[in-house]
């Protein structure tokens, strides 16, 4: 099943039309459902987007990074 219903597929993504919001799961699946997993890969950004999980924790320099191999590890 696609997460993009006809109503969201043609409309621009905005705070009012965000197909990744949890309330969409209730409408599409009838229950809360894990539909995506996000990794924050950096705390360096100057955009300050409303949807950003990092938010005000943004920094001028990244702390010591985790190796990518750890993120893609399957076991």
PDB file of N, CA and C in Angstrom:
ATOM      1  N   UNK A   1       0.852  -1.184   0.000  1.00  0.00           N
ATOM      2  CA  UNK A   1       0.000   0.000   0.000  1.00  0.00           C
ATOM      3  C   UNK A   1       0.890   1.238   0.000  1.00  0.00           C
ATOM      4  N   UNK A   2       0.606   2.140  -0.850  1.00  0.00           N
ATOM      5  CA  UNK A   2       1.364   3.386  -0.905  1.00  0.00           C
ATOM      6  C   UNK A   2       0.918   4.329   0.198  1.00  0.00           C
ATOM      7  N   UNK A   3       1.886   5.046   0.783  1.00  0.00           N
ATOM      8  CA  UNK A   3       1.538   6.038   1.800  1.00  0.00           C
ATOM      9  C   UNK A   3       0.942   7.291   1.176  1.00  0.00           C
ATOM     10  N   UNK A   4       1.089   7.421  -0.132  1.00  0.00           N
ATOM     11  CA  UNK A   4       0.578   8.616  -0.798  1.00  0.00           C
ATOM     12  C   UNK A   4      -0.823   8.357  -1.336  1.00  0.00           C
ATOM     13  N   UNK A   5      -1.795   8.907  -0.683  1.00  0.00           N
ATOM     14  CA  UNK A   5      -3.161   8.808  -1.177  1.00  0.00           C
ATOM     15  C   UNK A   5      -3.309   9.806  -2.315  1.00  0.00           C
ATOM     16  N   UNK A   6      -4.328   9.692  -3.144  1.00  0.00           N
ATOM     17  CA  UNK A   6      -4.501  10.658  -4.223  1.00  0.00           C
ATOM     18  C   UNK A   6      -4.518  12.102  -3.727  1.00  0.00           C
ATOM     19  N   UNK A   7      -5.043  12.343  -2.535  1.00  0.00           N
ATOM     20  CA  UNK A   7      -5.114  13.718  -2.023  1.00  0.00           C
ATOM     21  C   UNK A   7      -3.733  14.266  -1.688  1.00  0.00           C
ATOM     22  N   UNK A   8      -2.827  13.435  -1.167  1.00  0.00           N
ATOM     23  CA  UNK A   8      -1.509  13.934  -0.782  1.00  0.00           C
ATOM     24  C   UNK A   8      -0.510  13.853  -1.925  1.00  0.00           C
ATOM     25  N   UNK A   9      -0.752  12.990  -2.903  1.00  0.00           N
ATOM     26  CA  UNK A   9       0.212  12.801  -3.983  1.00  0.00           C
ATOM     27  C   UNK A   9       0.411  14.064  -4.810  1.00  0.00           C
ATOM     28  N   UNK A  10      -0.628  14.831  -5.037  1.00  0.00           N
ATOM     29  CA  UNK A  10      -0.530  15.997  -5.903  1.00  0.00           C
ATOM     30  C   UNK A  10      -0.421  17.319  -5.157  1.00  0.00           C
ATOM     31  N   UNK A  11      -0.541  17.297  -3.849  1.00  0.00           N
ATOM     32  CA  UNK A  11      -0.452  18.527  -3.071  1.00  0.00           C
ATOM     33  C   UNK A  11       0.968  18.705  -2.559  1.00  0.00           C
ATOM     34  N   UNK A  12       1.443  19.936  -2.452  1.00  0.00           N
ATOM     35  CA  UNK A  12       2.784  20.147  -1.902  1.00  0.00           C
ATOM     36  C   UNK A  12       2.842  19.736  -0.434  1.00  0.00           C
ATOM     37  N   UNK A  13       4.018  19.314   0.004  1.00  0.00           N
ATOM     38  CA  UNK A  13       4.218  18.946   1.403  1.00  0.00           C
ATOM     39  C   UNK A  13       4.286  20.228   2.227  1.00  0.00           C
ATOM     40  N   UNK A  14       3.426  20.318   3.209  1.00  0.00           N
ATOM     41  CA  UNK A  14       3.363  21.471   4.109  1.00  0.00           C
ATOM     42  C   UNK A  14       3.082  20.939   5.511  1.00  0.00           C
ATOM     43  N   UNK A  15       3.175  21.771   6.551  1.00  0.00           N
ATOM     44  CA  UNK A  15       2.798  21.292   7.884  1.00  0.00           C
ATOM     45  C   UNK A  15       1.359  20.770   7.935  1.00  0.00           C
ATOM     46  N   UNK A  16       0.484  21.301   7.099  1.00  0.00           N
ATOM     47  CA  UNK A  16      -0.908  20.844   7.065  1.00  0.00           C
ATOM     48  C   UNK A  16      -1.082  19.580   6.221  1.00  0.00           C
ATOM     49  N   UNK A  17      -0.170  19.317   5.295  1.00  0.00           N
ATOM     50  CA  UNK A  17      -0.232  18.147   4.425  1.00  0.00           C
ATOM     51  C   UNK A  17       1.106  17.414   4.510  1.00  0.00           C
ATOM     52  N   UNK A  18       1.256  16.581   5.530  1.00  0.00           N
ATOM     53  CA  UNK A  18       2.506  15.861   5.773  1.00  0.00           C
ATOM     54  C   UNK A  18       2.199  14.374   5.878  1.00  0.00           C
ATOM     55  N   UNK A  19       2.385  13.602   4.797  1.00  0.00           N
ATOM     56  CA  UNK A  19       2.013  12.189   4.806  1.00  0.00           C
ATOM     57  C   UNK A  19       2.841  11.332   5.756  1.00  0.00           C
ATOM     58  N   UNK A  20       3.886  11.871   6.370  1.00  0.00           N
ATOM     59  CA  UNK A  20       4.700  11.113   7.317  1.00  0.00           C
ATOM     60  C   UNK A  20       4.244  11.311   8.756  1.00  0.00           C
ATOM     61  N   UNK A  21       3.237  12.119   8.983  1.00  0.00           N
ATOM     62  CA  UNK A  21       2.730  12.327  10.341  1.00  0.00           C
ATOM     63  C   UNK A  21       1.975  11.087  10.819  1.00  0.00           C
ATOM     64  N   UNK A  22       2.050  10.828  12.126  1.00  0.00           N
ATOM     65  CA  UNK A  22       1.446   9.619  12.703  1.00  0.00           C
ATOM     66  C   UNK A  22      -0.068   9.558  12.511  1.00  0.00           C
ATOM     67  N   UNK A  23      -0.739  10.704  12.483  1.00  0.00           N
ATOM     68  CA  UNK A  23      -2.200  10.668  12.308  1.00  0.00           C
ATOM     69  C   UNK A  23      -2.586  10.067  10.964  1.00  0.00           C
ATOM     70  N   UNK A  24      -1.710  10.136   9.985  1.00  0.00           N
ATOM     71  CA  UNK A  24      -1.992   9.512   8.687  1.00  0.00           C
ATOM     72  C   UNK A  24      -2.067   7.992   8.834  1.00  0.00           C
ATOM     73  N   UNK A  25      -1.250   7.412   9.719  1.00  0.00           N
ATOM     74  CA  UNK A  25      -1.291   5.964   9.941  1.00  0.00           C
ATOM     75  C   UNK A  25      -2.673   5.527  10.402  1.00  0.00           C
ATOM     76  N   UNK A  26      -3.262   6.287  11.299  1.00  0.00           N
ATOM     77  CA  UNK A  26      -4.597   5.933  11.797  1.00  0.00           C
ATOM     78  C   UNK A  26      -5.619   5.963  10.674  1.00  0.00           C
ATOM     79  N   UNK A  27      -5.502   6.940   9.783  1.00  0.00           N
ATOM     80  CA  UNK A  27      -6.452   7.033   8.676  1.00  0.00           C
ATOM     81  C   UNK A  27      -6.219   5.928   7.644  1.00  0.00           C
ATOM     82  N   UNK A  28      -4.952   5.609   7.357  1.00  0.00           N
ATOM     83  CA  UNK A  28      -4.642   4.626   6.323  1.00  0.00           C
ATOM     84  C   UNK A  28      -4.748   3.182   6.801  1.00  0.00           C
ATOM     85  N   UNK A  29      -4.323   2.908   8.050  1.00  0.00           N
ATOM     86  CA  UNK A  29      -4.227   1.540   8.539  1.00  0.00           C
ATOM     87  C   UNK A  29      -5.191   1.221   9.670  1.00  0.00           C
ATOM     88  N   UNK A  30      -5.857   2.228  10.230  1.00  0.00           N
ATOM     89  CA  UNK A  30      -6.788   2.002  11.325  1.00  0.00           C
ATOM     90  C   UNK A  30      -6.124   1.801  12.673  1.00  0.00           C
ATOM     91  N   UNK A  31      -4.813   1.945  12.737  1.00  0.00           N
ATOM     92  CA  UNK A  31      -4.067   1.804  13.989  1.00  0.00           C
ATOM     93  C   UNK A  31      -2.698   2.461  13.825  1.00  0.00           C
ATOM     94  N   UNK A  32      -2.022   2.684  14.927  1.00  0.00           N
ATOM     95  CA  UNK A  32      -0.658   3.201  14.854  1.00  0.00           C
ATOM     96  C   UNK A  32       0.232   2.119  14.264  1.00  0.00           C
ATOM     97  N   UNK A  33       1.040   2.480  13.277  1.00  0.00           N
ATOM     98  CA  UNK A  33       1.868   1.529  12.548  1.00  0.00           C
ATOM     99  C   UNK A  33       3.239   2.136  12.307  1.00  0.00           C
ATOM    100  N   UNK A  34       4.293   1.339  12.467  1.00  0.00           N
ATOM    101  CA  UNK A  34       5.631   1.810  12.141  1.00  0.00           C
ATOM    102  C   UNK A  34       5.745   1.884  10.627  1.00  0.00           C
ATOM    103  N   UNK A  35       5.843   3.095  10.090  1.00  0.00           N
ATOM    104  CA  UNK A  35       5.888   3.273   8.644  1.00  0.00           C
ATOM    105  C   UNK A  35       7.224   3.796   8.146  1.00  0.00           C
ATOM    106  N   UNK A  36       8.080   4.277   9.045  1.00  0.00           N
ATOM    107  CA  UNK A  36       9.408   4.715   8.614  1.00  0.00           C
ATOM    108  C   UNK A  36      10.344   4.783   9.808  1.00  0.00           C
ATOM    109  N   UNK A  37      11.630   4.723   9.514  1.00  0.00           N
ATOM    110  CA  UNK A  37      12.682   4.874  10.515  1.00  0.00           C
ATOM    111  C   UNK A  37      13.636   5.924   9.978  1.00  0.00           C
ATOM    112  N   UNK A  38      13.992   6.874  10.807  1.00  0.00           N
ATOM    113  CA  UNK A  38      14.891   7.941  10.375  1.00  0.00           C
ATOM    114  C   UNK A  38      16.164   7.925  11.202  1.00  0.00           C
ATOM    115  N   UNK A  39      17.283   8.178  10.551  1.00  0.00           N
ATOM    116  CA  UNK A  39      18.557   8.359  11.218  1.00  0.00           C
ATOM    117  C   UNK A  39      18.977   9.806  11.046  1.00  0.00           C
ATOM    118  N   UNK A  40      19.357  10.447  12.122  1.00  0.00           N
ATOM    119  CA  UNK A  40      19.941  11.778  12.021  1.00  0.00           C
ATOM    120  C   UNK A  40      21.415  11.577  11.724  1.00  0.00           C
ATOM    121  N   UNK A  41      21.852  12.037  10.573  1.00  0.00           N
ATOM    122  CA  UNK A  41      23.228  11.787  10.152  1.00  0.00           C
ATOM    123  C   UNK A  41      24.171  12.936  10.466  1.00  0.00           C
ATOM    124  N   UNK A  42      23.635  14.082  10.813  1.00  0.00           N
ATOM    125  CA  UNK A  42      24.484  15.219  11.144  1.00  0.00           C
ATOM    126  C   UNK A  42      23.705  16.203  12.006  1.00  0.00           C
ATOM    127  N   UNK A  43      24.427  16.993  12.754  1.00  0.00           N
ATOM    128  CA  UNK A  43      23.799  18.094  13.492  1.00  0.00           C
ATOM    129  C   UNK A  43      24.211  19.420  12.870  1.00  0.00           C
ATOM    130  N   UNK A  44      24.760  19.351  11.648  1.00  0.00           N
ATOM    131  CA  UNK A  44      25.176  20.556  10.935  1.00  0.00           C
ATOM    132  C   UNK A  44      24.125  20.931   9.898  1.00  0.00           C
ATOM    133  N   UNK A  45      23.499  22.062  10.086  1.00  0.00           N
ATOM    134  CA  UNK A  45      22.505  22.543   9.130  1.00  0.00           C
ATOM    135  C   UNK A  45      22.136  23.965   9.508  1.00  0.00           C
ATOM    136  N   UNK A  46      21.820  24.767   8.523  1.00  0.00           N
ATOM    137  CA  UNK A  46      21.385  26.133   8.824  1.00  0.00           C
ATOM    138  C   UNK A  46      19.964  26.395   8.335  1.00  0.00           C
ATOM    139  N   UNK A  47      19.204  25.350   8.033  1.00  0.00           N
ATOM    140  CA  UNK A  47      17.877  25.550   7.449  1.00  0.00           C
ATOM    141  C   UNK A  47      16.768  25.703   8.483  1.00  0.00           C
ATOM    142  N   UNK A  48      16.847  25.052   9.630  1.00  0.00           N
ATOM    143  CA  UNK A  48      15.859  25.157  10.710  1.00  0.00           C
ATOM    144  C   UNK A  48      14.436  24.800  10.246  1.00  0.00           C
ATOM    145  N   UNK A  49      14.292  23.672   9.585  1.00  0.00           N
ATOM    146  CA  UNK A  49      12.981  23.225   9.106  1.00  0.00           C
ATOM    147  C   UNK A  49      12.079  22.849  10.280  1.00  0.00           C
ATOM    148  N   UNK A  50      10.781  23.105  10.142  1.00  0.00           N
ATOM    149  CA  UNK A  50       9.813  22.805  11.204  1.00  0.00           C
ATOM    150  C   UNK A  50       9.784  21.331  11.573  1.00  0.00           C
ATOM    151  N   UNK A  51       9.949  20.457  10.588  1.00  0.00           N
ATOM    152  CA  UNK A  51       9.821  19.023  10.826  1.00  0.00           C
ATOM    153  C   UNK A  51      11.098  18.374  11.351  1.00  0.00           C
ATOM    154  N   UNK A  52      12.174  19.134  11.499  1.00  0.00           N
ATOM    155  CA  UNK A  52      13.479  18.573  11.839  1.00  0.00           C
ATOM    156  C   UNK A  52      13.504  17.986  13.249  1.00  0.00           C
ATOM    157  N   UNK A  53      13.963  16.739  13.358  1.00  0.00           N
ATOM    158  CA  UNK A  53      14.072  16.085  14.662  1.00  0.00           C
ATOM    159  C   UNK A  53      15.246  16.620  15.470  1.00  0.00           C
ATOM    160  N   UNK A  54      16.236  17.187  14.815  1.00  0.00           N
ATOM    161  CA  UNK A  54      17.408  17.720  15.516  1.00  0.00           C
ATOM    162  C   UNK A  54      17.075  19.064  16.148  1.00  0.00           C
ATOM    163  N   UNK A  55      16.312  19.869  15.422  1.00  0.00           N
ATOM    164  CA  UNK A  55      15.839  21.144  15.956  1.00  0.00           C
ATOM    165  C   UNK A  55      16.927  22.041  16.491  1.00  0.00           C
ATOM    166  N   UNK A  56      16.775  22.454  17.742  1.00  0.00           N
ATOM    167  CA  UNK A  56      17.707  23.408  18.331  1.00  0.00           C
ATOM    168  C   UNK A  56      18.993  22.764  18.825  1.00  0.00           C
ATOM    169  N   UNK A  57      19.191  21.479  18.579  1.00  0.00           N
ATOM    170  CA  UNK A  57      20.438  20.820  18.965  1.00  0.00           C
ATOM    171  C   UNK A  57      21.497  20.955  17.875  1.00  0.00           C
ATOM    172  N   UNK A  58      21.190  21.698  16.813  1.00  0.00           N
ATOM    173  CA  UNK A  58      22.150  21.878  15.732  1.00  0.00           C
ATOM    174  C   UNK A  58      23.411  22.541  16.255  1.00  0.00           C
ATOM    175  N   UNK A  59      24.547  22.154  15.685  1.00  0.00           N
ATOM    176  CA  UNK A  59      25.839  22.637  16.146  1.00  0.00           C
ATOM    177  C   UNK A  59      26.666  23.158  14.984  1.00  0.00           C
ATOM    178  N   UNK A  60      27.750  23.860  15.312  1.00  0.00           N
ATOM    179  CA  UNK A  60      28.682  24.342  14.289  1.00  0.00           C
ATOM    180  C   UNK A  60      29.629  23.235  13.841  1.00  0.00           C
ATOM    181  N   UNK A  61      29.869  22.244  14.708  1.00  0.00           N
ATOM    182  CA  UNK A  61      30.773  21.144  14.392  1.00  0.00           C
ATOM    183  C   UNK A  61      30.160  19.845  14.903  1.00  0.00           C
ATOM    184  N   UNK A  62      30.183  18.807  14.074  1.00  0.00           N
ATOM    185  CA  UNK A  62      29.657  17.506  14.491  1.00  0.00           C
ATOM    186  C   UNK A  62      30.547  16.881  15.554  1.00  0.00           C
ATOM    187  N   UNK A  63      29.932  16.253  16.558  1.00  0.00           N
ATOM    188  CA  UNK A  63      30.741  15.486  17.513  1.00  0.00           C
ATOM    189  C   UNK A  63      31.304  14.252  16.812  1.00  0.00           C
ATOM    190  N   UNK A  64      32.021  13.435  17.527  1.00  0.00           N
ATOM    191  CA  UNK A  64      32.600  12.230  16.927  1.00  0.00           C
ATOM    192  C   UNK A  64      31.488  11.380  16.320  1.00  0.00           C
ATOM    193  N   UNK A  65      31.619  11.085  15.060  1.00  0.00           N
ATOM    194  CA  UNK A  65      30.557  10.386  14.326  1.00  0.00           C
ATOM    195  C   UNK A  65      30.619   8.879  14.532  1.00  0.00           C
ATOM    196  N   UNK A  66      29.454   8.237  14.468  1.00  0.00           N
ATOM    197  CA  UNK A  66      29.391   6.780  14.459  1.00  0.00           C
ATOM    198  C   UNK A  66      29.765   6.292  13.067  1.00  0.00           C
ATOM    199  N   UNK A  67      30.454   5.171  12.960  1.00  0.00           N
ATOM    200  CA  UNK A  67      30.794   4.647  11.637  1.00  0.00           C
ATOM    201  C   UNK A  67      29.535   4.173  10.905  1.00  0.00           C
ATOM    202  N   UNK A  68      29.487   4.388   9.611  1.00  0.00           N
ATOM    203  CA  UNK A  68      28.338   3.988   8.805  1.00  0.00           C
ATOM    204  C   UNK A  68      28.083   2.484   8.915  1.00  0.00           C
ATOM    205  N   UNK A  69      29.135   1.688   9.025  1.00  0.00           N
ATOM    206  CA  UNK A  69      28.981   0.240   9.135  1.00  0.00           C
ATOM    207  C   UNK A  69      28.105  -0.138  10.329  1.00  0.00           C
ATOM    208  N   UNK A  70      28.177   0.627  11.399  1.00  0.00           N
ATOM    209  CA  UNK A  70      27.340   0.366  12.568  1.00  0.00           C
ATOM    210  C   UNK A  70      25.863   0.615  12.253  1.00  0.00           C
ATOM    211  N   UNK A  71      25.570   1.644  11.463  1.00  0.00           N
ATOM    212  CA  UNK A  71      24.182   1.948  11.104  1.00  0.00           C
ATOM    213  C   UNK A  71      23.580   0.894  10.178  1.00  0.00           C
ATOM    214  N   UNK A  72      24.378   0.349   9.278  1.00  0.00           N
ATOM    215  CA  UNK A  72      23.831  -0.617   8.315  1.00  0.00           C
ATOM    216  C   UNK A  72      23.925  -2.060   8.797  1.00  0.00           C
ATOM    217  N   UNK A  73      24.468  -2.284   9.992  1.00  0.00           N
ATOM    218  CA  UNK A  73      24.623  -3.632  10.541  1.00  0.00           C
ATOM    219  C   UNK A  73      23.263  -4.316  10.670  1.00  0.00           C
ATOM    220  N   UNK A  74      23.165  -5.570  10.253  1.00  0.00           N
ATOM    221  CA  UNK A  74      21.894  -6.298  10.230  1.00  0.00           C
ATOM    222  C   UNK A  74      21.597  -7.114  11.471  1.00  0.00           C
ATOM    223  N   UNK A  75      22.579  -7.465  12.273  1.00  0.00           N
ATOM    224  CA  UNK A  75      22.289  -8.356  13.405  1.00  0.00           C
ATOM    225  C   UNK A  75      22.209  -7.664  14.727  1.00  0.00           C
TER     226      UNK A  75
END
